[in-house]
């Protein structure tokens, strides 16, 4: 059994784009309270890295749900939350390394801390837990015929 492409993609888009929207919204509120929108616009709207990380996250989550065997709904946020954090760390670490940062690993963890404080990571976990209940399973092909549905509650 496996998750359908359609539900895997809708799940991944809901988690990746929803978490981005929450992070951008919280940071927008902080920027408005601080009195300036220039830094917010350059970080969340004009920066192509943020959009690339959102796309890579959606792609990685789609593949994880499609390739991985069906998990109990309580384990999906654990696995996918870790994958979301991994993509965030690797993407920000590579971006910091590309710009010549002295310690790109530290910069990646600082950005992950901002994602945690900006509620982007908690939003990804909550959205993952919510959308995990909507994943549809299909019986996959094994060999020449359709395999029987197996009991995943073991």
Protein backbone atom coordinates (compact mmCIF):
# COMPACT_ATOMS: atom_id res chain seq x y z
CA UNK A 1 0.00 0.00 0.00
CA UNK A 2 1.06 3.52 -0.63
CA UNK A 3 -0.28 7.06 -0.49
CA UNK A 4 -1.73 8.47 -3.72
CA UNK A 5 0.23 11.13 -5.58
CA UNK A 6 -2.65 13.58 -5.31
CA UNK A 7 -2.99 13.37 -1.54
CA UNK A 8 0.78 13.32 -1.05
CA UNK A 9 1.12 16.51 -3.11
CA UNK A 10 -1.82 18.27 -1.45
CA UNK A 11 -0.44 17.26 1.97
CA UNK A 12 3.04 18.57 1.12
CA UNK A 13 1.76 21.84 -0.31
CA UNK A 14 -0.48 22.45 2.69
CA UNK A 15 2.40 21.89 5.09
CA UNK A 16 5.11 23.78 3.16
CA UNK A 17 3.06 26.76 1.99
CA UNK A 18 1.00 26.95 5.19
CA UNK A 19 4.10 27.00 7.37
CA UNK A 20 5.65 29.65 5.10
CA UNK A 21 2.51 31.78 5.41
CA UNK A 22 2.50 31.49 9.20
CA UNK A 23 6.19 32.37 9.43
CA UNK A 24 5.75 35.33 7.08
CA UNK A 25 2.67 36.50 8.98
CA UNK A 26 4.33 36.39 12.38
CA UNK A 27 7.42 38.14 11.04
CA UNK A 28 5.18 40.74 9.38
CA UNK A 29 3.53 41.44 12.73
CA UNK A 30 6.96 41.83 14.36
CA UNK A 31 8.12 44.12 11.53
CA UNK A 32 5.02 46.31 11.80
CA UNK A 33 5.48 46.53 15.57
CA UNK A 34 9.12 47.54 15.03
CA UNK A 35 8.11 50.18 12.51
CA UNK A 36 9.55 49.00 9.20
CA UNK A 37 8.61 46.61 6.41
CA UNK A 38 11.78 46.78 4.32
CA UNK A 39 13.55 43.88 6.00
CA UNK A 40 10.38 41.78 5.99
CA UNK A 41 9.82 42.33 2.27
CA UNK A 42 13.43 41.52 1.38
CA UNK A 43 13.39 38.35 3.49
CA UNK A 44 9.97 36.85 2.77
CA UNK A 45 8.93 38.18 -0.64
CA UNK A 46 11.98 39.23 -2.65
CA UNK A 47 14.42 36.50 -1.55
CA UNK A 48 14.41 33.63 -4.08
CA UNK A 49 16.01 31.32 -1.49
CA UNK A 50 12.84 31.35 0.62
CA UNK A 51 10.74 30.37 -2.38
CA UNK A 52 13.23 27.70 -3.42
CA UNK A 53 13.26 26.23 0.10
CA UNK A 54 9.46 26.14 0.12
CA UNK A 55 9.44 24.32 -3.23
CA UNK A 56 12.16 21.87 -2.14
CA UNK A 57 10.30 21.23 1.10
CA UNK A 58 7.08 20.49 -0.77
CA UNK A 59 8.96 18.17 -3.12
CA UNK A 60 10.70 16.35 -0.26
CA UNK A 61 7.47 15.93 1.70
CA UNK A 62 5.66 14.64 -1.38
CA UNK A 63 8.36 12.07 -2.00
CA UNK A 64 8.48 11.08 1.66
CA UNK A 65 4.75 10.44 1.79
CA UNK A 66 4.75 8.66 -1.57
CA UNK A 67 7.83 6.47 -1.08
CA UNK A 68 7.58 5.73 2.63
CA UNK A 69 5.27 2.97 3.74
CA UNK A 70 2.03 4.20 5.30
CA UNK A 71 2.68 5.33 8.85
CA UNK A 72 0.28 5.65 11.75
CA UNK A 73 -1.07 9.19 11.83
CA UNK A 74 0.84 10.04 15.01
CA UNK A 75 4.19 9.22 13.35
CA UNK A 76 3.70 11.30 10.21
CA UNK A 77 4.38 14.66 11.95
CA UNK A 78 7.46 13.20 13.63
CA UNK A 79 9.00 11.98 10.38
CA UNK A 80 7.93 14.91 8.23
CA UNK A 81 8.70 17.52 10.89
CA UNK A 82 12.25 16.17 11.01
CA UNK A 83 12.41 16.25 7.21
CA UNK A 84 11.11 19.85 7.18
CA UNK A 85 13.78 20.87 9.68
CA UNK A 86 16.47 19.03 7.72
CA UNK A 87 15.57 20.83 4.48
CA UNK A 88 15.54 24.14 6.36
CA UNK A 89 18.96 23.49 7.92
CA UNK A 90 20.62 22.21 4.75
CA UNK A 91 19.18 24.96 2.56
CA UNK A 92 20.14 27.78 4.90
CA UNK A 93 23.54 26.21 5.55
CA UNK A 94 24.27 25.96 1.82
CA UNK A 95 23.10 29.54 1.30
CA UNK A 96 25.36 30.76 4.11
CA UNK A 97 28.28 28.75 2.72
CA UNK A 98 27.68 30.16 -0.77
CA UNK A 99 27.81 33.73 0.54
CA UNK A 100 31.10 33.02 2.30
CA UNK A 101 29.93 32.89 5.91
CA UNK A 102 32.56 31.99 8.44
CA UNK A 103 30.38 29.32 10.10
CA UNK A 104 27.51 28.25 7.83
CA UNK A 105 26.33 25.57 10.26
CA UNK A 106 25.82 28.16 12.97
CA UNK A 107 23.97 30.40 10.53
CA UNK A 108 21.70 27.51 9.56
CA UNK A 109 20.82 26.83 13.19
CA UNK A 110 20.20 30.53 13.81
CA UNK A 111 17.71 30.54 10.92
CA UNK A 112 16.09 27.38 12.33
CA UNK A 113 15.80 29.15 15.67
CA UNK A 114 14.10 32.08 13.94
CA UNK A 115 11.75 29.60 12.24
CA UNK A 116 10.92 28.18 15.66
CA UNK A 117 10.36 31.59 17.24
CA UNK A 118 8.41 32.80 14.20
CA UNK A 119 6.10 29.79 14.58
CA UNK A 120 7.04 28.43 11.15
CA UNK A 121 8.27 25.09 12.54
CA UNK A 122 5.38 24.64 14.99
CA UNK A 123 2.97 25.47 12.16
CA UNK A 124 4.59 22.77 10.02
CA UNK A 125 4.14 20.25 12.82
CA UNK A 126 0.51 21.20 13.41
CA UNK A 127 -0.33 21.23 9.70
CA UNK A 128 1.38 17.87 9.28
CA UNK A 129 -0.64 16.35 12.11
CA UNK A 130 -3.85 17.81 10.68
CA UNK A 131 -3.20 16.75 7.07
CA UNK A 132 -1.99 13.26 8.06
CA UNK A 133 -5.60 12.28 8.70
CA UNK A 134 -6.48 13.12 5.08
CA UNK A 135 -3.90 10.92 3.34
CA UNK A 136 -5.52 8.30 1.10
CA UNK A 137 -4.01 4.88 0.69
CA UNK A 138 -4.13 2.75 -2.42
CA UNK A 139 -3.18 -0.84 -2.97
CA UNK A 140 0.05 -0.91 -4.95
CA UNK A 141 1.23 -3.26 -7.66
CA UNK A 142 3.63 -5.99 -6.67
CA UNK A 143 4.84 -8.32 -9.33
CA UNK A 144 2.12 -9.21 -11.82
CA UNK A 145 -1.06 -8.59 -9.85
CA UNK A 146 -2.59 -6.43 -7.20
CA UNK A 147 -1.34 -7.16 -3.73
CA UNK A 148 -3.79 -7.59 -0.91
CA UNK A 149 -4.14 -4.78 1.60
CA UNK A 150 -2.09 -5.53 4.67
CA UNK A 151 -2.91 -4.64 8.21
CA UNK A 152 -0.79 -1.62 9.21
CA UNK A 153 -1.84 -1.62 12.87
CA UNK A 154 0.84 -4.09 13.95
